[in-house]
Every structure is written in structure tokens, then in C-alpha cells.
Amino acid sequence: MSDAQITHHCEMLLESLKYIPEKEGGNTSKFISDFRKLCYNSEINDIEEQKNYFCNTLPKLPNNDDTDCYYYLLEFIKRREKIKSMNDLVKEFAEIIADELNLIRDGSIIALKHVATGKYLSSIKNLRYTTGSKLQLAFAGSPEPDLNALWEIKFSEKLPMYNKTSINLRHIKSGSVLGLYYNSTYYTYYKSPITEHTEVCCNGNENLWKFKHSKLENHQGYFKSNDIINLSIAKGYDNKVEFLRSHDVQFTIGNDTFQEVVCHSERLGGNDEWRIELISQV
């Protein structure tokens, strides 16, 4: 086989090369090695041409676990302009792979840490407010993510996006869903025990939340572990948007004290920031 034929053969192999994620049985290290070798043997040295070929390797059809098939391609396109060499390309793709392991998916188990006080959003099965709705309470509890602080995140999209996807948070231990309770008889939302903002409870009748990235205005990316977020909910009665807040304010039930969690429509601040932590990815 002549040199020209070898080059053409390698170029054909490069065109047919496809990235398979490791969770589907792929081998990322071998894929990168093959891509480098085929570019070299095909005499494709221009980085722009290499980037075009690399885009062609990334998944564009639904994969086995029905996650967003365009994730790798979209993330690569976002980073494309700053890639100036093959080493840059490999480095950026390695970061995309690492980020993918931190993606929050439908059914993932998460914890939400209140940034200002270091306590986790929690609930306790059958422990109810003694005021307001008298439903299962929500509070900021342990400084460690114990069983009372674990939530399953549910949504309809394959991968959720900031400022777009509506989500439910189901408390793992009790099965109850985080939300608000609207009393249609008295046309009112119940007030929190101490500050008299909107009460946050489990098993309410309004429970669709949205996440907003706290540090990046109008951010449209996917949810990732360790992002700092604001959680909002649109009240069904008047469509007024309120945000989830905690603060170092305590209320008591019996002999126990709990750090209040509320919803409010005031200006956002440090007490409205939560860190989303991935506990288990489906």
C-alpha cells in the first residue's frame, strides 16, 4: 500500500471513529489515542480541521440510558474557540468528561446545603408544624448530609437546565415532595413559624421548583454537583415567584429546635444560596 493509500485509509478510519462513553462500555483513553494517531497518519495537522473531525466523533443519536445525546457535542462547541492545539483539545475534552460525572440527572439523589449556615435542607417523616398548614415540616438541619437531608430530584427533560426546567424534590426517607400549601378555602398560603414568610412544607399542593445559578446570571447550562443555586417557585394562585431561604432563626416543636426554611419575594442575598451536592447519580 502506497503512502497516499495509507493516508487515505487513515482518513476514512478517522471519519468513522466515534466516541462511546465509558458507562456504555467505551474506553476514553484509547479513543483519544486513536484520534491522535489517525490525525497524525492522515496528515491532518491543522487544529481547525482536527476540531471538525473531533466534533464528528461525538454522539448525535440517543444512547442506551436515554440521556441527552448532544451533551458532549454542545459542551465541546462551547469550548471550541479556546482550543489552539491538540493538547488543548485533549485537555478540554477531559474536563468535559469530568463534568459529565457531576451532572444531575432525573432520579439522582442530592443534598442541598445552605451556604450561609452550612446546614442541609431536611425533613422528618411525620414531624409536622404546630402552626400554619400543620403538614410535614422542612428545615435546615444537620451540618452533614444525613438520611433526613437526602432528596430525589425529578423532572421531565433528559438533563435539566438552569432557568428552564421545572423539578420536584422528593424526600427520600418519607417520600414526601417539597413545596408550598395553598388553602383554597381561605385563599391563602400559610406563614412560617417565626418570620412569617411563606411556609415551606412537604406534601403541599404546589411543588414545581426552578433552579437559578447564583453566580452566573441567565446561565443556561446543565445542573452540576457543587453549583451554588437559588431555588424558586411560582405560586399557583397569583403566579408570584418566591425564593427558598434559610437563616439563623430557630423555632421549636416540643423540646426540639429547628432552623427555619421559608419562601420569600424580597431581594436575593446570601441567605438564599444553596449548594447542590450529588450523592448518587442514576
Protein backbone atom coordinates (compact mmCIF):
# COMPACT_ATOMS: atom_id res chain seq x y z
CA MET A 1 0.00 0.00 0.00
CA SER A 2 1.43 3.38 -1.01
CA ASP A 3 1.85 6.29 1.38
CA ALA A 4 -1.07 8.06 -0.28
CA GLN A 5 -3.26 4.99 0.15
CA ILE A 6 -2.27 4.66 3.81
CA THR A 7 -3.09 8.32 4.38
CA HIS A 8 -6.47 7.94 2.68
CA HIS A 9 -7.22 4.77 4.65
CA CYS A 10 -6.41 6.51 7.94
CA GLU A 11 -8.60 9.44 6.97
CA MET A 12 -11.50 7.07 6.33
CA LEU A 13 -10.93 5.47 9.74
CA LEU A 14 -10.90 8.92 11.31
CA GLU A 15 -14.21 9.78 9.66
CA SER A 16 -15.76 6.61 11.08
CA LEU A 17 -14.28 6.98 14.60
CA LYS A 18 -16.98 7.51 17.25
CA TYR A 19 -16.71 8.32 20.93
CA ILE A 20 -18.51 5.85 23.21
CA PRO A 21 -18.91 6.98 26.86
CA GLU A 22 -17.27 4.72 29.41
CA LYS A 23 -20.60 3.95 31.10
CA GLU A 24 -21.65 2.40 27.78
CA GLY A 25 -18.52 0.28 27.54
CA GLY A 26 -16.21 2.76 25.82
CA ASN A 27 -12.56 3.45 26.58
CA THR A 28 -11.81 7.18 26.64
CA SER A 29 -8.02 6.82 26.81
CA LYS A 30 -7.97 4.51 23.79
CA PHE A 31 -10.35 6.82 21.91
CA ILE A 32 -8.06 9.82 22.46
CA SER A 33 -5.00 7.78 21.49
CA ASP A 34 -6.72 6.55 18.31
CA PHE A 35 -7.83 10.07 17.41
CA ARG A 36 -4.32 11.47 17.83
CA LYS A 37 -2.77 8.64 15.83
CA LEU A 38 -5.28 8.84 12.99
CA CYS A 39 -4.87 12.62 12.70
CA TYR A 40 -1.10 12.15 12.51
CA ASN A 41 -1.26 9.31 9.99
CA SER A 42 -3.83 11.20 7.90
CA GLU A 43 -1.51 14.23 7.87
CA ILE A 44 -4.24 16.36 9.41
CA ASN A 45 -2.19 18.92 11.31
CA ASP A 46 -4.41 22.00 11.18
CA ILE A 47 -6.16 22.41 14.53
CA GLU A 48 -9.36 23.74 12.96
CA GLU A 49 -9.60 20.65 10.79
CA GLN A 50 -8.83 18.46 13.80
CA LYS A 51 -11.65 20.13 15.73
CA ASN A 52 -14.06 19.45 12.86
CA TYR A 53 -13.13 15.78 12.84
CA PHE A 54 -13.42 15.62 16.62
CA CYS A 55 -16.93 17.08 16.53
CA ASN A 56 -17.84 14.33 14.10
CA THR A 57 -16.78 11.66 16.61
CA LEU A 58 -19.17 12.84 19.33
CA PRO A 59 -22.61 11.23 19.88
CA LYS A 60 -25.55 12.69 17.99
CA LEU A 61 -28.08 9.87 18.45
CA PRO A 62 -29.89 8.68 21.60
CA ASN A 63 -27.72 6.45 23.75
CA ASN A 64 -28.61 3.48 25.90
CA ASP A 65 -29.65 5.31 29.06
CA ASP A 66 -31.62 7.95 27.15
CA THR A 67 -29.61 10.89 28.48
CA ASP A 68 -29.07 13.97 26.37
CA CYS A 69 -27.16 12.67 23.36
CA TYR A 70 -25.89 16.13 22.44
CA TYR A 71 -24.17 16.85 25.77
CA TYR A 72 -20.60 16.12 24.62
CA LEU A 73 -21.03 17.95 21.32
CA LEU A 74 -22.63 21.04 22.86
CA GLU A 75 -20.01 21.27 25.58
CA PHE A 76 -17.21 20.87 23.05
CA ILE A 77 -18.68 23.61 20.84
CA LYS A 78 -18.78 25.96 23.85
CA ARG A 79 -15.05 25.44 24.37
CA ARG A 80 -14.04 25.28 20.72
CA GLU A 81 -12.72 28.82 20.35
CA LYS A 82 -10.13 28.49 23.10
CA ILE A 83 -8.68 25.27 21.67
CA LYS A 84 -5.44 26.18 19.89
CA SER A 85 -3.64 22.83 19.79
CA MET A 86 -4.18 19.10 20.03
CA ASN A 87 -3.09 19.23 23.68
CA ASP A 88 -5.75 21.89 24.34
CA LEU A 89 -8.33 19.68 22.65
CA VAL A 90 -7.47 16.69 24.84
CA LYS A 91 -7.44 18.84 27.99
CA GLU A 92 -10.84 20.39 27.27
CA PHE A 93 -12.39 17.03 26.46
CA ALA A 94 -11.01 15.56 29.69
CA GLU A 95 -12.75 18.38 31.57
CA ILE A 96 -16.00 17.68 29.71
CA ILE A 97 -15.77 14.03 30.77
CA ALA A 98 -15.09 15.03 34.38
CA ASP A 99 -18.03 17.45 34.36
CA GLU A 100 -20.29 14.76 32.92
CA LEU A 101 -19.70 12.64 36.01
CA ASN A 102 -21.09 15.52 38.09
CA LEU A 103 -24.26 16.08 36.07
CA ILE A 104 -27.55 15.96 37.94
CA ARG A 105 -29.92 13.57 36.14
CA ASP A 106 -33.55 12.65 36.57
CA GLY A 107 -33.75 10.42 39.63
CA SER A 108 -30.40 11.49 41.10
CA ILE A 109 -30.14 11.64 44.88
CA ILE A 110 -28.97 15.06 46.04
CA ALA A 111 -28.48 17.15 49.15
CA LEU A 112 -28.91 20.92 49.35
CA LYS A 113 -26.51 22.71 51.68
CA HIS A 114 -27.42 26.19 52.89
CA VAL A 115 -24.27 28.15 52.11
CA ALA A 116 -24.55 30.81 54.82
CA THR A 117 -25.18 28.48 57.77
CA GLY A 118 -23.70 25.22 56.48
CA LYS A 119 -26.83 23.20 57.25
CA TYR A 120 -28.68 20.86 54.92
CA LEU A 121 -32.28 21.16 53.76
CA SER A 122 -34.07 18.45 55.72
CA SER A 123 -37.39 16.97 56.71
CA ILE A 124 -38.52 14.26 59.13
CA LYS A 125 -41.30 11.82 58.39
CA ASN A 126 -44.47 12.50 60.38
CA LEU A 127 -42.97 15.53 62.15
CA ARG A 128 -45.38 18.37 61.48
CA TYR A 129 -45.61 22.09 62.01
CA THR A 130 -47.69 23.06 65.02
CA THR A 131 -48.70 26.26 63.22
CA GLY A 132 -49.78 27.07 59.66
CA SER A 133 -50.56 24.10 57.44
CA LYS A 134 -49.56 21.57 60.14
CA LEU A 135 -48.01 19.49 57.37
CA GLN A 136 -44.60 17.79 57.43
CA LEU A 137 -42.02 20.47 58.16
CA ALA A 138 -38.95 21.48 56.17
CA PHE A 139 -35.93 22.92 57.95
CA ALA A 140 -32.17 23.37 57.73
CA GLY A 141 -30.78 20.60 59.88
CA SER A 142 -27.51 18.76 60.22
CA PRO A 143 -24.15 20.16 59.05
CA GLU A 144 -23.65 16.73 57.45
CA PRO A 145 -25.96 15.19 54.81
CA ASP A 146 -27.73 12.56 56.93
CA LEU A 147 -30.73 10.49 55.79
CA ASN A 148 -33.15 13.31 56.61
CA ALA A 149 -31.30 15.56 54.14
CA LEU A 150 -31.50 13.36 51.03
CA TRP A 151 -33.81 14.24 48.14
CA GLU A 152 -34.59 12.63 44.81
CA ILE A 153 -34.72 15.17 42.00
CA LYS A 154 -37.34 14.54 39.31
CA PHE A 155 -38.02 16.32 36.02
CA SER A 156 -39.27 15.56 32.53
CA GLU A 157 -36.20 16.52 30.47
CA LYS A 158 -33.27 14.16 29.97
CA LEU A 159 -30.92 16.68 31.56
CA PRO A 160 -32.23 19.73 33.45
CA MET A 161 -31.18 23.28 32.56
CA TYR A 162 -31.00 26.38 34.72
CA ASN A 163 -33.87 28.87 34.43
CA LYS A 164 -35.83 26.42 32.30
CA THR A 165 -36.54 23.00 33.80
CA SER A 166 -39.29 22.52 36.39
CA ILE A 167 -38.35 20.00 39.06
CA ASN A 168 -39.75 18.12 42.03
CA LEU A 169 -37.75 17.32 45.16
CA ARG A 170 -38.94 14.11 46.82
CA HIS A 171 -37.73 13.48 50.35
CA ILE A 172 -36.09 10.06 50.33
CA LYS A 173 -36.93 8.95 53.85
CA SER A 174 -40.60 9.99 53.86
CA GLY A 175 -41.47 10.02 50.15
CA SER A 176 -42.98 13.49 50.56
CA VAL A 177 -42.44 16.26 48.00
CA LEU A 178 -41.10 19.70 48.95
CA GLY A 179 -43.37 22.64 48.24
CA LEU A 180 -45.97 25.09 49.49
CA TYR A 181 -49.55 24.65 50.64
CA TYR A 182 -52.30 26.88 49.31
CA ASN A 183 -55.54 26.87 51.28
CA SER A 184 -58.20 27.36 48.61
CA THR A 185 -60.93 27.81 51.22
CA TYR A 186 -59.30 30.88 52.75
CA TYR A 187 -57.33 31.92 49.62
CA THR A 188 -54.06 32.00 51.48
CA TYR A 189 -50.60 30.50 51.79
CA TYR A 190 -49.61 29.68 55.34
CA LYS A 191 -46.88 31.69 57.06
CA SER A 192 -43.65 30.37 58.52
CA PRO A 193 -43.44 29.99 62.31
CA ILE A 194 -41.10 32.89 63.15
CA THR A 195 -40.54 35.38 60.32
CA GLU A 196 -43.99 34.91 58.77
CA HIS A 197 -42.70 34.49 55.25
CA THR A 198 -44.34 31.77 53.15
CA GLU A 199 -44.20 28.40 54.89
CA VAL A 200 -42.26 25.62 53.11
CA CYS A 201 -43.52 22.12 53.79
CA CYS A 202 -43.70 18.60 52.42
CA ASN A 203 -46.91 17.16 50.94
CA GLY A 204 -48.19 20.59 49.96
CA ASN A 205 -50.20 21.15 46.79
CA GLU A 206 -47.66 23.29 44.89
CA ASN A 207 -44.27 21.70 44.27
CA LEU A 208 -42.69 22.74 40.96
CA TRP A 209 -39.32 24.42 41.54
CA LYS A 210 -36.78 26.00 39.24
CA PHE A 211 -33.05 26.37 39.79
CA LYS A 212 -31.13 29.55 39.02
CA HIS A 213 -27.34 29.59 39.08
CA SER A 214 -26.46 32.02 41.86
CA LYS A 215 -23.11 33.09 40.41
CA LEU A 216 -23.88 33.24 36.67
CA GLU A 217 -26.73 35.50 35.59
CA ASN A 218 -29.08 33.94 32.99
CA HIS A 219 -26.95 30.78 32.95
CA GLN A 220 -28.48 28.14 30.66
CA GLY A 221 -26.19 25.20 31.43
CA TYR A 222 -26.95 21.82 32.97
CA PHE A 223 -27.18 21.25 36.74
CA LYS A 224 -23.86 20.07 38.18
CA SER A 225 -22.81 18.94 41.61
CA ASN A 226 -21.35 21.73 43.78
CA ASP A 227 -23.06 24.50 41.82
CA ILE A 228 -24.39 27.28 44.06
CA ILE A 229 -28.01 27.94 43.24
CA ASN A 230 -31.19 29.80 44.08
CA LEU A 231 -34.43 27.78 44.13
CA SER A 232 -37.64 29.48 43.08
CA ILE A 233 -41.28 28.51 42.96
CA ALA A 234 -44.14 30.26 41.17
CA LYS A 235 -47.22 30.40 43.37
CA GLY A 236 -50.17 28.88 41.58
CA TYR A 237 -52.69 31.36 42.94
CA ASP A 238 -51.08 34.57 41.66
CA ASN A 239 -48.00 33.26 39.76
CA LYS A 240 -45.81 35.29 42.10
CA VAL A 241 -42.25 33.91 42.16
CA GLU A 242 -40.66 33.34 45.55
CA PHE A 243 -37.23 32.00 46.54
CA LEU A 244 -36.15 29.41 49.07
CA ARG A 245 -34.32 30.93 52.04
CA SER A 246 -32.94 29.86 55.37
CA HIS A 247 -31.32 31.92 58.11
CA ASP A 248 -30.11 31.51 61.65
CA VAL A 249 -33.62 31.75 63.09
CA GLN A 250 -34.92 28.89 65.20
CA PHE A 251 -38.40 27.65 66.02
CA THR A 252 -39.37 24.91 68.44
CA ILE A 253 -41.58 21.86 68.33
CA GLY A 254 -41.79 20.27 71.74
CA ASN A 255 -38.27 20.23 73.15
CA ASP A 256 -36.56 20.36 69.75
CA THR A 257 -35.38 23.41 67.82
CA PHE A 258 -35.24 23.75 64.04
CA GLN A 259 -33.69 26.31 61.70
CA GLU A 260 -36.44 27.93 59.68
CA VAL A 261 -36.73 27.48 55.91
CA VAL A 262 -39.11 29.80 54.07
CA CYS A 263 -40.01 31.25 50.69
CA HIS A 264 -39.94 34.99 50.07
CA SER A 265 -40.13 37.64 47.35
CA GLU A 266 -37.53 40.02 48.76
CA ARG A 267 -34.19 40.89 47.21
CA LEU A 268 -31.88 37.89 46.87
CA GLY A 269 -28.89 37.64 49.18
CA GLY A 270 -26.52 35.20 50.83
CA ASN A 271 -29.30 33.51 52.79
CA ASP A 272 -30.86 32.39 49.50
CA GLU A 273 -27.84 30.40 48.28
CA TRP A 274 -27.77 26.61 48.33
CA ARG A 275 -25.04 24.25 47.18
CA ILE A 276 -26.37 21.26 45.25
CA GLU A 277 -24.42 18.11 46.10
CA LEU A 278 -24.73 14.91 44.11
CA ILE A 279 -24.99 11.91 46.43
CA SER A 280 -25.90 9.25 43.87
CA GLN A 281 -26.22 9.51 40.09
CA VAL A 282 -28.58 7.18 38.25
